[in-house]
Amino acid sequence: MSNLQRCYSRPLSPFGAKGPFWDPVIGHRGYDYGGSRGAGIVAYDDMVVEYVGRSTGLGIVMGLRRLTMGGFAGYAHVLEPMPVGSLILRGQGLGRIAGRNDGPGTLWDGAHIHTTLSWVSAFAAAHGNTPLDDPHPWIVRALKEDRESATAGGEGTIITPPKEQDVAPVIYPYQKTGKWQPKVGETLRMQNDSGTGTKNLVPRAGIAIIATHVYLEKLELGDAAELTLKWVNKDTGRESPHYVERIEGTADGIVKSTITFARNVAPEFIVVADIKVIKGAPTITLTGADVVVYPA
């Protein structure tokens, strides 16, 4: 059994559950999984620790940026949390489960994993500040991928990182919120002003793992948009699309889309992401990107 399967094998209290310990209107603000004091808490996505703090009623809390799924994972009742800035690959430990006497927040039903999901910030995820989302479907997806990897002869999410001397990753997180309503055929460009001063999602040459996120509202059934990653030559300005993702509308009109793409970025190129409306009149409320760059 892989680290991931072992960690999330005992689902307990679901998101939104009602009870005497939870908000009478919102209900349970996270999802609980059974575990014993001192057992490892495992990341279900590649994550970066962005916040570690303490909360009355929750004990030590953590907020982590999800690099491929998008958004922010929160954990409460934590012992020995990894420090801010740590890059944690899926299947690796981010901390340990606190016990009954390790601080407030673990007194009513013993040691367990409490995790949340926020599309706002790591701080909001850590402290359970609304609005929140249910993390369980994302964990179920990670468990399914893990089982498929093991069935195909892989090792699940027991990951061996590259040799330390070969890796000096730099992480470029980017997020912008607002309310944009582009017309059909109009393009919204996602740009990050960091590093070299050029508007570039990847301001450093090397092997880049790029996760881009977009949150759309009012994208109805039959409507569509495109999310495109483009390499732009710094000297000529010529644009070369490297990845296109078609985003389809849903019955509830709300779409969260994340694409992940890995490619070597040469020094003469910058990388941008374009969002283009093909049909409909959606409102774009969040764009973002998480980029991990390894030296070429």
C-alpha atoms as a PDB file:
ATOM      1  CA  MET A   1       0.000   0.000   0.000  1.00  0.00           C
ATOM      2  CA  SER A   2       1.413   3.391  -0.976  1.00  0.00           C
ATOM      3  CA  ASN A   3       1.819   6.335   1.391  1.00  0.00           C
ATOM      4  CA  LEU A   4      -1.185   8.048  -0.199  1.00  0.00           C
ATOM      5  CA  GLN A   5      -3.538   5.054   0.130  1.00  0.00           C
ATOM      6  CA  ARG A   6      -2.505   4.520   3.728  1.00  0.00           C
ATOM      7  CA  CYS A   7      -3.033   8.164   4.707  1.00  0.00           C
ATOM      8  CA  TYR A   8      -6.538   8.641   3.281  1.00  0.00           C
ATOM      9  CA  SER A   9      -7.975   5.127   3.715  1.00  0.00           C
ATOM     10  CA  ARG A  10     -10.473   5.995   6.499  1.00  0.00           C
ATOM     11  CA  PRO A  11     -12.875   8.827   5.555  1.00  0.00           C
ATOM     12  CA  LEU A  12     -14.792  10.099   8.593  1.00  0.00           C
ATOM     13  CA  SER A  13     -16.723  13.389   8.839  1.00  0.00           C
ATOM     14  CA  PRO A  14     -17.609  14.809   5.401  1.00  0.00           C
ATOM     15  CA  PHE A  15     -17.536  18.417   4.248  1.00  0.00           C
ATOM     16  CA  GLY A  16     -20.699  20.277   5.275  1.00  0.00           C
ATOM     17  CA  ALA A  17     -21.754  17.735   7.924  1.00  0.00           C
ATOM     18  CA  LYS A  18     -23.965  19.063  10.719  1.00  0.00           C
ATOM     19  CA  GLY A  19     -23.255  18.521  14.384  1.00  0.00           C
ATOM     20  CA  PRO A  20     -22.598  20.171  17.761  1.00  0.00           C
ATOM     21  CA  PHE A  21     -18.914  20.865  17.001  1.00  0.00           C
ATOM     22  CA  TRP A  22     -19.468  22.660  13.693  1.00  0.00           C
ATOM     23  CA  ASP A  23     -20.902  25.900  12.380  1.00  0.00           C
ATOM     24  CA  PRO A  24     -24.738  25.681  12.611  1.00  0.00           C
ATOM     25  CA  VAL A  25     -25.160  27.195   9.132  1.00  0.00           C
ATOM     26  CA  ILE A  26     -22.075  26.107   7.167  1.00  0.00           C
ATOM     27  CA  GLY A  27     -21.501  22.808   8.939  1.00  0.00           C
ATOM     28  CA  HIS A  28     -18.150  21.036   8.900  1.00  0.00           C
ATOM     29  CA  ARG A  29     -15.636  23.240   7.070  1.00  0.00           C
ATOM     30  CA  GLY A  30     -13.370  20.420   5.963  1.00  0.00           C
ATOM     31  CA  TYR A  31     -13.113  16.662   5.552  1.00  0.00           C
ATOM     32  CA  ASP A  32     -11.780  14.338   8.255  1.00  0.00           C
ATOM     33  CA  TYR A  33      -9.829  11.114   7.794  1.00  0.00           C
ATOM     34  CA  GLY A  34      -9.007   8.659  10.556  1.00  0.00           C
ATOM     35  CA  GLY A  35      -5.469   8.292  11.797  1.00  0.00           C
ATOM     36  CA  SER A  36      -3.351   7.773  14.896  1.00  0.00           C
ATOM     37  CA  ARG A  37      -1.224  10.270  16.776  1.00  0.00           C
ATOM     38  CA  GLY A  38       2.174  10.724  15.147  1.00  0.00           C
ATOM     39  CA  ALA A  39       1.207   9.132  11.830  1.00  0.00           C
ATOM     40  CA  GLY A  40       2.340  10.983   8.749  1.00  0.00           C
ATOM     41  CA  ILE A  41       0.085  13.350   6.806  1.00  0.00           C
ATOM     42  CA  VAL A  42       0.784  12.918   3.109  1.00  0.00           C
ATOM     43  CA  ALA A  43       0.358  15.440   0.280  1.00  0.00           C
ATOM     44  CA  TYR A  44      -2.182  14.306  -2.338  1.00  0.00           C
ATOM     45  CA  ASP A  45      -0.796  16.741  -4.937  1.00  0.00           C
ATOM     46  CA  ASP A  46       2.570  18.373  -5.503  1.00  0.00           C
ATOM     47  CA  MET A  47       2.402  21.255  -3.016  1.00  0.00           C
ATOM     48  CA  VAL A  48       4.354  24.191  -1.620  1.00  0.00           C
ATOM     49  CA  VAL A  49       3.946  25.224   2.016  1.00  0.00           C
ATOM     50  CA  GLU A  50       2.889  28.892   2.062  1.00  0.00           C
ATOM     51  CA  TYR A  51       1.594  29.302   5.624  1.00  0.00           C
ATOM     52  CA  VAL A  52       2.062  27.706   9.052  1.00  0.00           C
ATOM     53  CA  GLY A  53       0.316  29.113  12.118  1.00  0.00           C
ATOM     54  CA  ARG A  54      -1.799  28.337  15.160  1.00  0.00           C
ATOM     55  CA  SER A  55      -5.528  28.654  15.659  1.00  0.00           C
ATOM     56  CA  THR A  56      -7.633  28.427  18.804  1.00  0.00           C
ATOM     57  CA  GLY A  57      -9.687  25.278  18.400  1.00  0.00           C
ATOM     58  CA  LEU A  58      -7.586  23.901  15.555  1.00  0.00           C
ATOM     59  CA  GLY A  59      -4.052  23.743  16.951  1.00  0.00           C
ATOM     60  CA  ILE A  60      -1.223  24.062  14.425  1.00  0.00           C
ATOM     61  CA  VAL A  61      -2.566  24.772  10.944  1.00  0.00           C
ATOM     62  CA  MET A  62      -0.971  24.738   7.492  1.00  0.00           C
ATOM     63  CA  GLY A  63      -1.848  26.213   4.102  1.00  0.00           C
ATOM     64  CA  LEU A  64      -0.276  24.771   0.951  1.00  0.00           C
ATOM     65  CA  ARG A  65      -0.519  25.770  -2.704  1.00  0.00           C
ATOM     66  CA  ARG A  66      -1.583  22.826  -4.927  1.00  0.00           C
ATOM     67  CA  LEU A  67       0.745  22.939  -7.919  1.00  0.00           C
ATOM     68  CA  THR A  68      -1.174  20.788 -10.413  1.00  0.00           C
ATOM     69  CA  MET A  69      -4.753  20.834  -9.134  1.00  0.00           C
ATOM     70  CA  GLY A  70      -4.839  24.550  -8.346  1.00  0.00           C
ATOM     71  CA  GLY A  71      -6.158  26.239  -5.219  1.00  0.00           C
ATOM     72  CA  PHE A  72      -4.927  25.789  -1.666  1.00  0.00           C
ATOM     73  CA  ALA A  73      -5.045  22.801   0.686  1.00  0.00           C
ATOM     74  CA  GLY A  74      -5.443  23.443   4.408  1.00  0.00           C
ATOM     75  CA  TYR A  75      -4.585  21.101   7.272  1.00  0.00           C
ATOM     76  CA  ALA A  76      -5.340  21.427  10.995  1.00  0.00           C
ATOM     77  CA  HIS A  77      -4.334  19.463  14.124  1.00  0.00           C
ATOM     78  CA  VAL A  78      -0.759  19.117  12.808  1.00  0.00           C
ATOM     79  CA  LEU A  79       2.455  18.113  14.558  1.00  0.00           C
ATOM     80  CA  GLU A  80       5.919  18.864  13.158  1.00  0.00           C
ATOM     81  CA  PRO A  81       4.757  20.789  10.081  1.00  0.00           C
ATOM     82  CA  MET A  82       7.173  21.274   7.214  1.00  0.00           C
ATOM     83  CA  PRO A  83       8.437  24.878   7.095  1.00  0.00           C
ATOM     84  CA  VAL A  84       7.151  27.589   4.772  1.00  0.00           C
ATOM     85  CA  GLY A  85       8.737  27.320   1.329  1.00  0.00           C
ATOM     86  CA  SER A  86       9.018  23.513   1.382  1.00  0.00           C
ATOM     87  CA  LEU A  87       8.235  21.753  -1.905  1.00  0.00           C
ATOM     88  CA  ILE A  88       6.378  18.511  -1.125  1.00  0.00           C
ATOM     89  CA  LEU A  89       5.736  16.032  -3.900  1.00  0.00           C
ATOM     90  CA  ARG A  90       2.627  13.872  -3.960  1.00  0.00           C
ATOM     91  CA  GLY A  91       3.044  10.987  -1.554  1.00  0.00           C
ATOM     92  CA  GLN A  92       5.573  12.778   0.647  1.00  0.00           C
ATOM     93  CA  GLY A  93       4.924  13.856   4.231  1.00  0.00           C
ATOM     94  CA  LEU A  94       3.951  17.408   5.166  1.00  0.00           C
ATOM     95  CA  GLY A  95       3.582  16.856   8.916  1.00  0.00           C
ATOM     96  CA  ARG A  96       2.183  14.441  11.501  1.00  0.00           C
ATOM     97  CA  ILE A  97      -1.234  13.955  13.126  1.00  0.00           C
ATOM     98  CA  ALA A  98      -1.642  15.670  16.497  1.00  0.00           C
ATOM     99  CA  GLY A  99      -3.081  13.719  19.420  1.00  0.00           C
ATOM    100  CA  ARG A 100      -5.565  14.410  22.170  1.00  0.00           C
ATOM    101  CA  ASN A 101      -3.139  16.331  24.375  1.00  0.00           C
ATOM    102  CA  ASP A 102      -1.154  18.132  21.672  1.00  0.00           C
ATOM    103  CA  GLY A 103      -3.264  21.272  21.554  1.00  0.00           C
ATOM    104  CA  PRO A 104      -6.768  22.586  21.043  1.00  0.00           C
ATOM    105  CA  GLY A 105      -8.814  21.145  18.238  1.00  0.00           C
ATOM    106  CA  THR A 106      -8.171  17.436  18.758  1.00  0.00           C
ATOM    107  CA  LEU A 107     -10.123  16.969  21.976  1.00  0.00           C
ATOM    108  CA  TRP A 108     -13.584  15.901  20.824  1.00  0.00           C
ATOM    109  CA  ASP A 109     -12.940  12.840  18.660  1.00  0.00           C
ATOM    110  CA  GLY A 110      -9.276  12.030  19.020  1.00  0.00           C
ATOM    111  CA  ALA A 111      -6.476  12.121  16.486  1.00  0.00           C
ATOM    112  CA  HIS A 112      -7.492  12.588  12.845  1.00  0.00           C
ATOM    113  CA  ILE A 113      -6.575  14.418   9.640  1.00  0.00           C
ATOM    114  CA  HIS A 114      -8.631  17.565   8.996  1.00  0.00           C
ATOM    115  CA  THR A 115      -8.178  19.030   5.533  1.00  0.00           C
ATOM    116  CA  THR A 116      -9.853  21.889   3.665  1.00  0.00           C
ATOM    117  CA  LEU A 117      -9.816  23.453   0.204  1.00  0.00           C
ATOM    118  CA  SER A 118      -9.806  27.161  -0.608  1.00  0.00           C
ATOM    119  CA  TRP A 119      -9.617  28.921  -3.964  1.00  0.00           C
ATOM    120  CA  VAL A 120      -8.663  32.188  -2.213  1.00  0.00           C
ATOM    121  CA  SER A 121      -5.423  31.794  -0.234  1.00  0.00           C
ATOM    122  CA  ALA A 122      -3.261  29.477   1.860  1.00  0.00           C
ATOM    123  CA  PHE A 123      -4.217  31.453   4.975  1.00  0.00           C
ATOM    124  CA  ALA A 124      -7.940  30.955   4.278  1.00  0.00           C
ATOM    125  CA  ALA A 125      -7.421  27.231   3.723  1.00  0.00           C
ATOM    126  CA  ALA A 126      -5.418  26.854   6.941  1.00  0.00           C
ATOM    127  CA  HIS A 127      -7.922  28.686   9.143  1.00  0.00           C
ATOM    128  CA  GLY A 128     -11.075  27.448   7.412  1.00  0.00           C
ATOM    129  CA  ASN A 129     -12.206  30.897   6.272  1.00  0.00           C
ATOM    130  CA  THR A 130     -15.142  30.849   3.880  1.00  0.00           C
ATOM    131  CA  PRO A 131     -15.733  30.386   1.011  1.00  0.00           C
ATOM    132  CA  LEU A 132     -14.453  26.823   1.115  1.00  0.00           C
ATOM    133  CA  ASP A 133     -14.800  23.798  -1.124  1.00  0.00           C
ATOM    134  CA  ASP A 134     -14.888  20.044  -0.543  1.00  0.00           C
ATOM    135  CA  PRO A 135     -11.379  18.513  -0.821  1.00  0.00           C
ATOM    136  CA  HIS A 136     -12.625  14.905  -0.850  1.00  0.00           C
ATOM    137  CA  PRO A 137     -13.319  14.569  -4.623  1.00  0.00           C
ATOM    138  CA  TRP A 138      -9.780  15.751  -5.334  1.00  0.00           C
ATOM    139  CA  ILE A 139      -8.350  13.210  -2.895  1.00  0.00           C
ATOM    140  CA  VAL A 140     -10.471  10.463  -4.453  1.00  0.00           C
ATOM    141  CA  ARG A 141      -9.057  11.465  -7.853  1.00  0.00           C
ATOM    142  CA  ALA A 142      -5.490  11.289  -6.490  1.00  0.00           C
ATOM    143  CA  LEU A 143      -6.158   7.856  -4.962  1.00  0.00           C
ATOM    144  CA  LYS A 144      -7.541   6.596  -8.279  1.00  0.00           C
ATOM    145  CA  GLU A 145      -4.488   7.834 -10.176  1.00  0.00           C
ATOM    146  CA  ASP A 146      -2.283   6.224  -7.536  1.00  0.00           C
ATOM    147  CA  ARG A 147      -4.004   2.838  -7.923  1.00  0.00           C
ATOM    148  CA  GLU A 148      -3.786   3.045 -11.711  1.00  0.00           C
ATOM    149  CA  SER A 149      -0.077   3.815 -11.472  1.00  0.00           C
ATOM    150  CA  ALA A 150       0.488   0.801  -9.233  1.00  0.00           C
ATOM    151  CA  THR A 151      -1.596  -1.467 -11.518  1.00  0.00           C
ATOM    152  CA  ALA A 152       0.469  -0.365 -14.507  1.00  0.00           C
ATOM    153  CA  GLY A 153       3.605  -1.515 -12.744  1.00  0.00           C
ATOM    154  CA  GLY A 154       4.544   1.785 -11.142  1.00  0.00           C
ATOM    155  CA  GLU A 155       5.175   2.453  -7.489  1.00  0.00           C
ATOM    156  CA  GLY A 156       2.137   4.556  -6.786  1.00  0.00           C
ATOM    157  CA  THR A 157       3.165   7.796  -5.158  1.00  0.00           C
ATOM    158  CA  ILE A 158       6.305   6.543  -3.436  1.00  0.00           C
ATOM    159  CA  ILE A 159       8.478   9.155  -5.090  1.00  0.00           C
ATOM    160  CA  THR A 160      12.252   9.303  -5.383  1.00  0.00           C
ATOM    161  CA  PRO A 161      13.235  12.968  -5.870  1.00  0.00           C
ATOM    162  CA  PRO A 162      16.056  13.898  -8.266  1.00  0.00           C
ATOM    163  CA  LYS A 163      19.544  14.067  -6.834  1.00  0.00           C
ATOM    164  CA  GLU A 164      19.965  17.146  -4.676  1.00  0.00           C
ATOM    165  CA  GLN A 165      23.006  18.416  -6.539  1.00  0.00           C
ATOM    166  CA  ASP A 166      21.065  18.344  -9.820  1.00  0.00           C
ATOM    167  CA  VAL A 167      18.028  20.261  -8.591  1.00  0.00           C
ATOM    168  CA  ALA A 168      17.708  23.866  -7.496  1.00  0.00           C
ATOM    169  CA  PRO A 169      14.033  24.512  -8.257  1.00  0.00           C
ATOM    170  CA  VAL A 170      12.610  28.003  -8.272  1.00  0.00           C
ATOM    171  CA  ILE A 171       8.864  28.431  -7.736  1.00  0.00           C
ATOM    172  CA  TYR A 172       6.903  31.281  -9.314  1.00  0.00           C
ATOM    173  CA  PRO A 173       3.341  31.450  -7.943  1.00  0.00           C
ATOM    174  CA  TYR A 174       0.900  33.899  -9.524  1.00  0.00           C
ATOM    175  CA  GLN A 175      -2.738  34.648  -8.860  1.00  0.00           C
ATOM    176  CA  LYS A 176      -5.053  37.446  -9.920  1.00  0.00           C
ATOM    177  CA  THR A 177      -8.682  37.868  -8.953  1.00  0.00           C
ATOM    178  CA  GLY A 178     -11.302  40.180 -10.371  1.00  0.00           C
ATOM    179  CA  LYS A 179     -14.342  40.121 -12.618  1.00  0.00           C
ATOM    180  CA  TRP A 180     -13.536  40.112 -16.327  1.00  0.00           C
ATOM    181  CA  GLN A 181     -16.189  39.637 -18.982  1.00  0.00           C
ATOM    182  CA  PRO A 182     -14.395  39.211 -22.325  1.00  0.00           C
ATOM    183  CA  LYS A 183     -16.479  39.145 -25.489  1.00  0.00           C
ATOM    184  CA  VAL A 184     -16.510  36.204 -27.892  1.00  0.00           C
ATOM    185  CA  GLY A 185     -13.140  36.050 -29.636  1.00  0.00           C
ATOM    186  CA  GLU A 186     -11.495  38.379 -27.115  1.00  0.00           C
ATOM    187  CA  THR A 187      -8.351  37.159 -25.360  1.00  0.00           C
ATOM    188  CA  LEU A 188      -7.361  37.711 -21.737  1.00  0.00           C
ATOM    189  CA  ARG A 189      -3.617  37.274 -21.242  1.00  0.00           C
ATOM    190  CA  MET A 190      -2.302  35.874 -17.976  1.00  0.00           C
ATOM    191  CA  GLN A 191       1.042  37.551 -17.237  1.00  0.00           C
ATOM    192  CA  ASN A 192       3.370  37.558 -14.285  1.00  0.00           C
ATOM    193  CA  ASP A 193       5.669  40.525 -13.601  1.00  0.00           C
ATOM    194  CA  SER A 194       8.500  38.814 -11.741  1.00  0.00           C
ATOM    195  CA  GLY A 195      12.108  37.796 -12.121  1.00  0.00           C
ATOM    196  CA  THR A 196      13.576  39.417 -15.206  1.00  0.00           C
ATOM    197  CA  GLY A 197      11.096  42.288 -15.479  1.00  0.00           C
ATOM    198  CA  THR A 198       9.515  40.845 -18.615  1.00  0.00           C
ATOM    199  CA  LYS A 199       5.869  39.797 -18.506  1.00  0.00           C
ATOM    200  CA  ASN A 200       6.536  36.104 -18.278  1.00  0.00           C
ATOM    201  CA  LEU A 201       5.080  33.136 -16.403  1.00  0.00           C
ATOM    202  CA  VAL A 202       8.501  31.442 -16.484  1.00  0.00           C
ATOM    203  CA  PRO A 203      11.167  34.128 -15.922  1.00  0.00           C
ATOM    204  CA  ARG A 204      14.044  31.643 -15.892  1.00  0.00           C
ATOM    205  CA  ALA A 205      15.340  29.190 -18.501  1.00  0.00           C
ATOM    206  CA  GLY A 206      15.105  25.516 -17.647  1.00  0.00           C
ATOM    207  CA  ILE A 207      12.719  22.589 -17.420  1.00  0.00           C
ATOM    208  CA  ALA A 208       9.401  24.067 -16.308  1.00  0.00           C
ATOM    209  CA  ILE A 209       6.336  22.355 -14.856  1.00  0.00           C
ATOM    210  CA  ILE A 210       3.551  24.857 -15.499  1.00  0.00           C
ATOM    211  CA  ALA A 211       0.126  24.542 -13.844  1.00  0.00           C
ATOM    212  CA  THR A 212      -2.357  27.201 -14.984  1.00  0.00           C
ATOM    213  CA  HIS A 213      -5.760  27.759 -13.422  1.00  0.00           C
ATOM    214  CA  VAL A 214      -8.883  29.627 -14.421  1.00  0.00           C
ATOM    215  CA  TYR A 215     -12.222  29.994 -12.642  1.00  0.00           C
ATOM    216  CA  LEU A 216     -15.212  30.883 -14.826  1.00  0.00           C
ATOM    217  CA  GLU A 217     -18.801  31.639 -13.916  1.00  0.00           C
ATOM    218  CA  LYS A 218     -21.851  31.751 -16.215  1.00  0.00           C
ATOM    219  CA  LEU A 219     -20.269  29.340 -18.704  1.00  0.00           C
ATOM    220  CA  GLU A 220     -23.456  27.490 -19.624  1.00  0.00           C
ATOM    221  CA  LEU A 221     -23.967  24.172 -21.424  1.00  0.00           C
ATOM    222  CA  GLY A 222     -22.822  24.554 -25.013  1.00  0.00           C
ATOM    223  CA  ASP A 223     -20.540  27.494 -24.183  1.00  0.00           C
ATOM    224  CA  ALA A 224     -16.796  27.118 -24.492  1.00  0.00           C
ATOM    225  CA  ALA A 225     -13.459  28.829 -23.873  1.00  0.00           C
ATOM    226  CA  GLU A 226      -9.827  27.982 -24.627  1.00  0.00           C
ATOM    227  CA  LEU A 227      -6.792  28.139 -22.360  1.00  0.00           C
ATOM    228  CA  THR A 228      -3.560  28.284 -24.384  1.00  0.00           C
ATOM    229  CA  LEU A 229       0.094  28.221 -23.332  1.00  0.00           C
ATOM    230  CA  LYS A 230       2.305  30.130 -25.776  1.00  0.00           C
ATOM    231  CA  TRP A 231       6.045  30.534 -26.174  1.00  0.00           C
ATOM    232  CA  VAL A 232       6.928  34.076 -27.347  1.00  0.00           C
ATOM    233  CA  ASN A 233      10.309  34.878 -28.875  1.00  0.00           C
ATOM    234  CA  LYS A 234      11.796  37.868 -27.028  1.00  0.00           C
ATOM    235  CA  ASP A 235      13.510  39.238 -30.140  1.00  0.00           C
ATOM    236  CA  THR A 236      10.896  38.733 -32.862  1.00  0.00           C
ATOM    237  CA  GLY A 237       7.680  38.669 -30.828  1.00  0.00           C
ATOM    238  CA  ARG A 238       6.569  35.587 -32.728  1.00  0.00           C
ATOM    239  CA  GLU A 239       4.113  33.453 -30.745  1.00  0.00           C
ATOM    240  CA  SER A 240       4.060  29.651 -30.842  1.00  0.00           C
ATOM    241  CA  PRO A 241       1.153  27.791 -29.139  1.00  0.00           C
ATOM    242  CA  HIS A 242       2.437  24.750 -27.230  1.00  0.00           C
ATOM    243  CA  TYR A 243      -0.731  23.580 -25.491  1.00  0.00           C
ATOM    244  CA  VAL A 244      -4.447  24.272 -25.953  1.00  0.00           C
ATOM    245  CA  GLU A 245      -7.165  23.173 -23.513  1.00  0.00           C
ATOM    246  CA  ARG A 246     -10.834  23.504 -24.470  1.00  0.00           C
ATOM    247  CA  ILE A 247     -13.062  24.359 -21.500  1.00  0.00           C
ATOM    248  CA  GLU A 248     -16.710  23.311 -21.828  1.00  0.00           C
ATOM    249  CA  GLY A 249     -19.657  24.813 -19.958  1.00  0.00           C
ATOM    250  CA  THR A 250     -21.498  22.845 -17.269  1.00  0.00           C
ATOM    251  CA  ALA A 251     -25.072  22.657 -16.045  1.00  0.00           C
ATOM    252  CA  ASP A 252     -24.341  24.795 -12.980  1.00  0.00           C
ATOM    253  CA  GLY A 253     -22.457  27.409 -15.023  1.00  0.00           C
ATOM    254  CA  ILE A 254     -19.329  27.293 -12.848  1.00  0.00           C
ATOM    255  CA  VAL A 255     -16.073  25.823 -14.156  1.00  0.00           C
ATOM    256  CA  LYS A 256     -12.711  25.416 -12.428  1.00  0.00           C
ATOM    257  CA  SER A 257     -10.062  24.294 -14.917  1.00  0.00           C
ATOM    258  CA  THR A 258      -6.402  23.462 -14.346  1.00  0.00           C
ATOM    259  CA  ILE A 259      -3.915  22.310 -16.968  1.00  0.00           C
ATOM    260  CA  THR A 260      -0.396  21.074 -16.263  1.00  0.00           C
ATOM    261  CA  PHE A 261       2.322  21.070 -18.891  1.00  0.00           C
ATOM    262  CA  ALA A 262       6.042  20.305 -18.711  1.00  0.00           C
ATOM    263  CA  ARG A 263       8.494  21.615 -21.287  1.00  0.00           C
ATOM    264  CA  ASN A 264      12.025  22.986 -21.496  1.00  0.00           C
ATOM    265  CA  VAL A 265      12.036  26.801 -21.802  1.00  0.00           C
ATOM    266  CA  ALA A 266      15.002  28.227 -23.730  1.00  0.00           C
ATOM    267  CA  PRO A 267      16.508  31.607 -22.710  1.00  0.00           C
ATOM    268  CA  GLU A 268      15.183  33.385 -25.830  1.00  0.00           C
ATOM    269  CA  PHE A 269      11.523  32.705 -24.965  1.00  0.00           C
ATOM    270  CA  ILE A 270       8.967  33.942 -22.484  1.00  0.00           C
ATOM    271  CA  VAL A 271       5.792  32.005 -21.657  1.00  0.00           C
ATOM    272  CA  VAL A 272       2.267  33.419 -21.483  1.00  0.00           C
ATOM    273  CA  ALA A 273      -1.190  31.901 -21.018  1.00  0.00           C
ATOM    274  CA  ASP A 274      -4.194  33.171 -22.990  1.00  0.00           C
ATOM    275  CA  ILE A 275      -7.865  32.669 -22.149  1.00  0.00           C
ATOM    276  CA  LYS A 276     -10.188  33.103 -25.127  1.00  0.00           C
ATOM    277  CA  VAL A 277     -13.985  32.904 -25.128  1.00  0.00           C
ATOM    278  CA  ILE A 278     -15.262  30.787 -28.041  1.00  0.00           C
ATOM    279  CA  LYS A 279     -18.986  30.883 -27.242  1.00  0.00           C
ATOM    280  CA  GLY A 280     -21.048  32.452 -24.467  1.00  0.00           C
ATOM    281  CA  ALA A 281     -20.502  35.331 -22.066  1.00  0.00           C
ATOM    282  CA  PRO A 282     -18.719  33.987 -18.984  1.00  0.00           C
ATOM    283  CA  THR A 283     -17.281  35.978 -16.100  1.00  0.00           C
ATOM    284  CA  ILE A 284     -13.656  35.131 -15.297  1.00  0.00           C
ATOM    285  CA  THR A 285     -13.091  35.574 -11.562  1.00  0.00           C
ATOM    286  CA  LEU A 286      -9.631  34.062 -11.061  1.00  0.00           C
ATOM    287  CA  THR A 287      -6.544  33.332 -13.124  1.00  0.00           C
ATOM    288  CA  GLY A 288      -3.371  31.860 -11.784  1.00  0.00           C
ATOM    289  CA  ALA A 289      -0.243  29.851 -12.456  1.00  0.00           C
ATOM    290  CA  ASP A 290       2.213  27.834 -10.423  1.00  0.00           C
ATOM    291  CA  VAL A 291       5.552  27.221 -12.107  1.00  0.00           C
ATOM    292  CA  VAL A 292       8.403  25.055 -10.814  1.00  0.00           C
ATOM    293  CA  VAL A 293      11.599  25.519 -12.844  1.00  0.00           C
ATOM    294  CA  TYR A 294      14.556  23.139 -12.713  1.00  0.00           C
ATOM    295  CA  PRO A 295      17.907  24.078 -14.268  1.00  0.00           C
ATOM    296  CA  ALA A 296      18.263  22.872 -17.868  1.00  0.00           C
END
